[in-house]
N, C-alpha and C. Protein backbone atom coordinates (compact mmCIF):
# COMPACT_ATOMS: atom_id res chain seq x y z
N MET A 1 21.34 157.68 178.14
CA MET A 1 20.53 156.74 176.74
C MET A 1 21.15 155.26 176.91
N LYS A 2 20.47 154.08 177.17
CA LYS A 2 20.69 153.12 177.04
C LYS A 2 20.90 152.41 175.68
N LYS A 3 22.50 151.51 175.54
CA LYS A 3 22.74 151.29 174.12
C LYS A 3 21.34 150.61 173.32
N THR A 4 20.55 149.91 173.87
CA THR A 4 19.42 149.17 172.94
C THR A 4 18.61 150.79 172.21
N GLU A 5 18.59 151.71 173.34
CA GLU A 5 17.99 152.77 172.93
C GLU A 5 18.46 153.69 171.43
N LYS A 6 20.11 153.78 171.66
CA LYS A 6 21.25 154.13 170.84
C LYS A 6 20.81 153.42 169.54
N GLU A 7 20.56 152.08 169.66
CA GLU A 7 20.58 150.93 168.68
C GLU A 7 19.45 151.56 167.70
N TYR A 8 18.42 151.19 168.52
CA TYR A 8 16.86 151.93 167.47
C TYR A 8 16.92 153.44 167.19
N PHE A 9 17.61 154.20 167.95
CA PHE A 9 17.72 155.76 167.25
C PHE A 9 18.50 155.21 165.57
N GLU A 10 19.88 154.81 165.78
CA GLU A 10 20.67 154.45 164.61
C GLU A 10 19.49 154.22 163.21
N LYS A 11 18.91 153.08 164.05
CA LYS A 11 17.80 152.11 162.96
C LYS A 11 16.85 153.05 162.54
N LEU A 12 16.26 153.86 162.99
CA LEU A 12 15.54 154.90 162.51
C LEU A 12 16.11 156.21 161.69
N VAL A 13 16.90 156.52 161.99
CA VAL A 13 18.16 157.66 161.22
C VAL A 13 18.57 156.72 159.39
N GLU A 14 18.52 155.62 159.99
CA GLU A 14 19.05 154.52 158.59
C GLU A 14 17.69 154.38 157.84
N PHE A 15 16.52 154.43 158.30
CA PHE A 15 14.92 154.37 157.35
C PHE A 15 15.15 155.83 157.06
N GLY A 16 15.02 156.97 157.89
CA GLY A 16 14.96 158.02 156.98
C GLY A 16 13.41 158.24 157.73
N CYS A 17 12.93 159.67 156.96
CA CYS A 17 11.72 159.95 156.98
C CYS A 17 10.48 159.25 156.23
N VAL A 18 9.92 158.94 157.94
CA VAL A 18 8.94 158.08 157.55
C VAL A 18 7.58 158.26 156.12
N ALA A 19 7.17 159.62 156.58
CA ALA A 19 6.34 160.35 155.69
C ALA A 19 7.15 160.06 153.91
N CYS A 20 8.14 161.03 154.33
CA CYS A 20 8.90 160.83 152.25
C CYS A 20 9.05 159.10 152.09
N ARG A 21 9.33 158.18 153.32
CA ARG A 21 9.59 157.14 152.63
C ARG A 21 8.47 156.63 152.21
N LYS A 22 7.31 156.28 153.02
CA LYS A 22 5.48 155.77 152.97
C LYS A 22 5.38 156.71 151.62
N VAL A 23 5.04 157.32 151.03
CA VAL A 23 4.41 158.21 149.99
C VAL A 23 5.20 158.62 148.91
N TYR A 24 6.24 158.48 149.25
CA TYR A 24 7.51 159.16 147.54
C TYR A 24 8.33 158.15 147.42
N GLY A 25 8.63 157.06 148.90
CA GLY A 25 9.08 155.64 148.35
C GLY A 25 11.10 156.60 148.45
N VAL A 26 11.14 157.94 148.95
CA VAL A 26 12.64 158.38 148.84
C VAL A 26 13.59 158.22 150.39
N TYR A 27 14.45 158.26 150.75
CA TYR A 27 15.51 158.59 152.22
C TYR A 27 15.43 159.84 152.44
N THR A 28 15.13 160.66 153.15
CA THR A 28 15.19 161.82 153.66
C THR A 28 16.13 161.82 154.93
N GLN A 29 17.12 162.44 155.23
CA GLN A 29 17.53 162.89 156.58
C GLN A 29 16.85 162.98 157.68
N PRO A 30 16.43 162.15 158.51
CA PRO A 30 15.18 162.49 159.62
C PRO A 30 15.62 163.06 161.10
N SER A 31 15.15 163.94 162.11
CA SER A 31 14.67 164.03 162.62
C SER A 31 14.52 163.04 163.79
N ILE A 32 14.44 162.80 165.12
CA ILE A 32 13.11 161.86 166.16
C ILE A 32 12.01 162.72 166.56
N HIS A 33 10.88 162.23 166.32
CA HIS A 33 9.72 162.61 166.56
C HIS A 33 9.18 162.10 167.63
N HIS A 34 8.98 162.31 169.03
CA HIS A 34 8.00 161.30 170.18
C HIS A 34 6.82 161.74 169.81
N ILE A 35 6.15 160.70 169.69
CA ILE A 35 4.66 160.57 169.41
C ILE A 35 4.13 161.04 170.40
N ARG A 36 3.28 161.85 170.64
CA ARG A 36 2.22 162.62 171.82
C ARG A 36 1.16 161.72 171.98
N ALA A 37 0.45 161.02 171.14
CA ALA A 37 -0.63 160.06 171.42
C ALA A 37 -0.44 159.69 172.94
N GLY A 38 -1.67 159.91 173.53
CA GLY A 38 -2.20 159.35 174.90
C GLY A 38 -0.77 159.69 175.88
N MET A 39 -0.41 160.87 175.97
CA MET A 39 0.64 161.11 176.90
C MET A 39 0.23 162.79 177.53
N GLY A 40 0.77 162.79 178.56
CA GLY A 40 0.07 163.69 179.50
C GLY A 40 1.11 165.25 179.20
N ILE A 41 0.67 166.22 179.04
CA ILE A 41 1.45 167.40 179.17
C ILE A 41 2.58 167.35 179.58
N GLY A 42 4.00 167.68 179.06
CA GLY A 42 5.63 167.68 179.66
C GLY A 42 5.56 166.07 179.82
N GLN A 43 5.05 165.28 179.10
CA GLN A 43 6.07 163.59 179.38
C GLN A 43 6.05 163.48 177.89
N ARG A 44 7.40 162.82 177.79
CA ARG A 44 7.89 162.04 176.29
C ARG A 44 7.70 160.38 176.20
N ASN A 45 6.94 160.06 175.33
CA ASN A 45 6.71 158.59 175.17
C ASN A 45 7.89 158.18 174.98
N SER A 46 8.02 156.55 174.87
CA SER A 46 9.74 156.18 175.07
C SER A 46 10.04 155.73 173.84
N THR A 47 11.07 155.43 173.53
CA THR A 47 12.03 155.15 172.38
C THR A 47 11.52 154.28 171.60
N GLU A 48 10.32 152.84 171.55
CA GLU A 48 9.66 152.88 170.56
C GLU A 48 8.75 153.13 169.92
N ASN A 49 8.34 154.64 170.47
CA ASN A 49 7.23 155.02 170.23
C ASN A 49 7.75 156.90 169.44
N CYS A 50 8.56 156.70 169.07
CA CYS A 50 9.34 157.59 168.21
C CYS A 50 9.07 157.66 166.72
N LEU A 51 8.88 158.30 165.99
CA LEU A 51 9.07 158.52 164.20
C LEU A 51 9.82 159.54 163.76
N PRO A 52 10.87 158.69 162.77
CA PRO A 52 11.93 159.75 162.28
C PRO A 52 11.30 160.55 161.30
N LEU A 53 11.47 161.96 161.37
CA LEU A 53 10.54 162.74 160.33
C LEU A 53 11.92 163.29 159.99
N CYS A 54 12.11 164.08 158.39
CA CYS A 54 12.89 164.78 158.19
C CYS A 54 12.54 166.37 158.39
N PRO A 55 13.17 167.37 158.70
CA PRO A 55 12.52 168.95 159.29
C PRO A 55 11.38 169.23 158.31
N SER A 56 11.21 168.78 157.25
CA SER A 56 10.06 169.45 156.51
C SER A 56 8.55 168.39 156.67
N HIS A 57 8.67 167.76 157.03
CA HIS A 57 7.65 166.82 157.91
C HIS A 57 7.79 167.18 159.09
N HIS A 58 8.48 167.22 160.05
CA HIS A 58 8.35 167.65 161.49
C HIS A 58 8.07 168.97 161.94
N GLN A 59 9.10 169.87 161.49
CA GLN A 59 8.51 171.78 161.74
C GLN A 59 8.87 172.44 160.62
N THR A 60 9.27 172.30 159.68
CA THR A 60 9.35 173.70 159.15
C THR A 60 8.92 173.41 157.81
N GLY A 61 8.16 172.60 157.62
CA GLY A 61 7.26 172.54 156.32
C GLY A 61 6.03 173.06 155.99
N GLY A 62 5.61 174.09 156.99
CA GLY A 62 4.25 174.65 156.92
C GLY A 62 3.06 173.93 156.51
N TYR A 63 1.93 174.31 156.81
CA TYR A 63 0.75 174.06 157.42
C TYR A 63 0.20 172.38 155.99
N GLY A 64 0.06 172.10 156.21
CA GLY A 64 -0.55 170.73 155.54
C GLY A 64 0.99 169.28 155.23
N VAL A 65 2.08 170.33 155.86
CA VAL A 65 3.59 169.42 155.50
C VAL A 65 4.23 169.29 156.78
N ALA A 66 4.32 169.99 157.51
CA ALA A 66 4.70 169.60 158.68
C ALA A 66 3.82 169.36 160.05
N PHE A 67 4.51 168.23 160.56
CA PHE A 67 3.18 168.01 161.94
C PHE A 67 3.10 169.19 163.10
N HIS A 68 4.17 170.01 163.04
CA HIS A 68 3.73 170.90 164.38
C HIS A 68 3.48 171.85 163.62
N ALA A 69 2.53 172.17 162.51
CA ALA A 69 2.19 173.07 161.54
C ALA A 69 0.43 172.80 161.73
N GLY A 70 0.19 171.85 161.71
CA GLY A 70 -0.56 171.69 161.83
C GLY A 70 -1.11 169.72 161.79
N LYS A 71 -1.14 169.54 162.86
CA LYS A 71 -1.30 168.20 163.05
C LYS A 71 -2.39 167.29 161.77
N LYS A 72 -4.00 167.64 162.25
CA LYS A 72 -4.83 167.16 161.32
C LYS A 72 -4.45 167.61 160.00
N ALA A 73 -4.27 168.25 159.40
CA ALA A 73 -3.88 168.36 158.06
C ALA A 73 -2.54 167.66 157.81
N PHE A 74 -1.53 167.76 158.81
CA PHE A 74 -0.60 166.11 157.78
C PHE A 74 -1.07 165.32 158.33
N GLU A 75 -2.23 165.01 159.61
CA GLU A 75 -2.69 162.96 159.43
C GLU A 75 -3.46 162.87 158.47
N GLU A 76 -4.25 163.95 158.03
CA GLU A 76 -5.20 163.57 156.61
C GLU A 76 -4.34 163.22 155.53
N LYS A 77 -3.44 163.80 155.28
CA LYS A 77 -2.33 163.39 154.18
C LYS A 77 -1.61 162.40 154.44
N TYR A 78 -0.68 161.99 155.75
CA TYR A 78 -0.14 161.09 155.85
C TYR A 78 -0.14 160.24 156.87
N GLY A 79 -1.30 159.78 157.22
CA GLY A 79 -1.77 159.10 158.30
C GLY A 79 -1.28 159.71 159.67
N THR A 80 -1.95 158.99 160.41
CA THR A 80 -1.73 159.77 162.32
C THR A 80 -0.38 159.02 162.54
N GLU A 81 0.05 159.76 163.89
CA GLU A 81 1.38 159.27 164.26
C GLU A 81 1.37 157.70 164.28
N LEU A 82 -0.02 157.00 165.09
CA LEU A 82 -0.15 155.63 165.36
C LEU A 82 0.11 154.79 163.94
N GLU A 83 -0.89 155.04 163.33
CA GLU A 83 -0.78 154.90 161.89
C GLU A 83 0.43 154.43 161.01
N LEU A 84 1.31 155.89 161.26
CA LEU A 84 2.78 155.42 160.75
C LEU A 84 3.56 154.86 161.69
N LEU A 85 3.45 155.06 162.74
CA LEU A 85 4.23 153.93 163.66
C LEU A 85 4.06 152.63 163.38
N GLU A 86 2.97 151.93 163.08
CA GLU A 86 2.39 150.92 162.56
C GLU A 86 3.03 150.85 161.35
N TRP A 87 3.04 151.53 160.26
CA TRP A 87 3.60 150.99 159.10
C TRP A 87 5.62 150.99 159.06
N LEU A 88 5.76 151.87 160.16
CA LEU A 88 7.06 152.02 160.14
C LEU A 88 8.06 150.68 160.67
N LYS A 89 6.87 150.18 161.98
CA LYS A 89 7.28 148.69 162.70
C LYS A 89 7.30 147.43 161.59
N ASP A 90 6.36 147.74 159.97
CA ASP A 90 6.01 146.91 159.05
C ASP A 90 7.29 146.44 158.41
N ASN A 91 7.85 147.84 158.38
CA ASN A 91 8.85 147.93 157.14
C ASN A 91 10.28 148.20 157.84
N LEU A 92 10.43 148.49 158.97
CA LEU A 92 12.12 148.42 159.44
C LEU A 92 12.70 147.19 159.19
């Protein structure tokens, strides 16, 4: 991992979960979610196209809360990956 990528990931961790921050105005320790929009099977998006998501919003929160438990329900509640990315970049 390049130094600039590491520094960017550190900024994402400092920012916290984008869904928690946007909807509830709180910091939650995130993990990094690579945006899949426009990517083929087995491909990983660039560092700049990642979202910080807490475990609940990333994988463990269940349908309607976690992105990987129900993308459509997640996006209806919190916004699409690209909408969240745009909001994140405006607020980083």
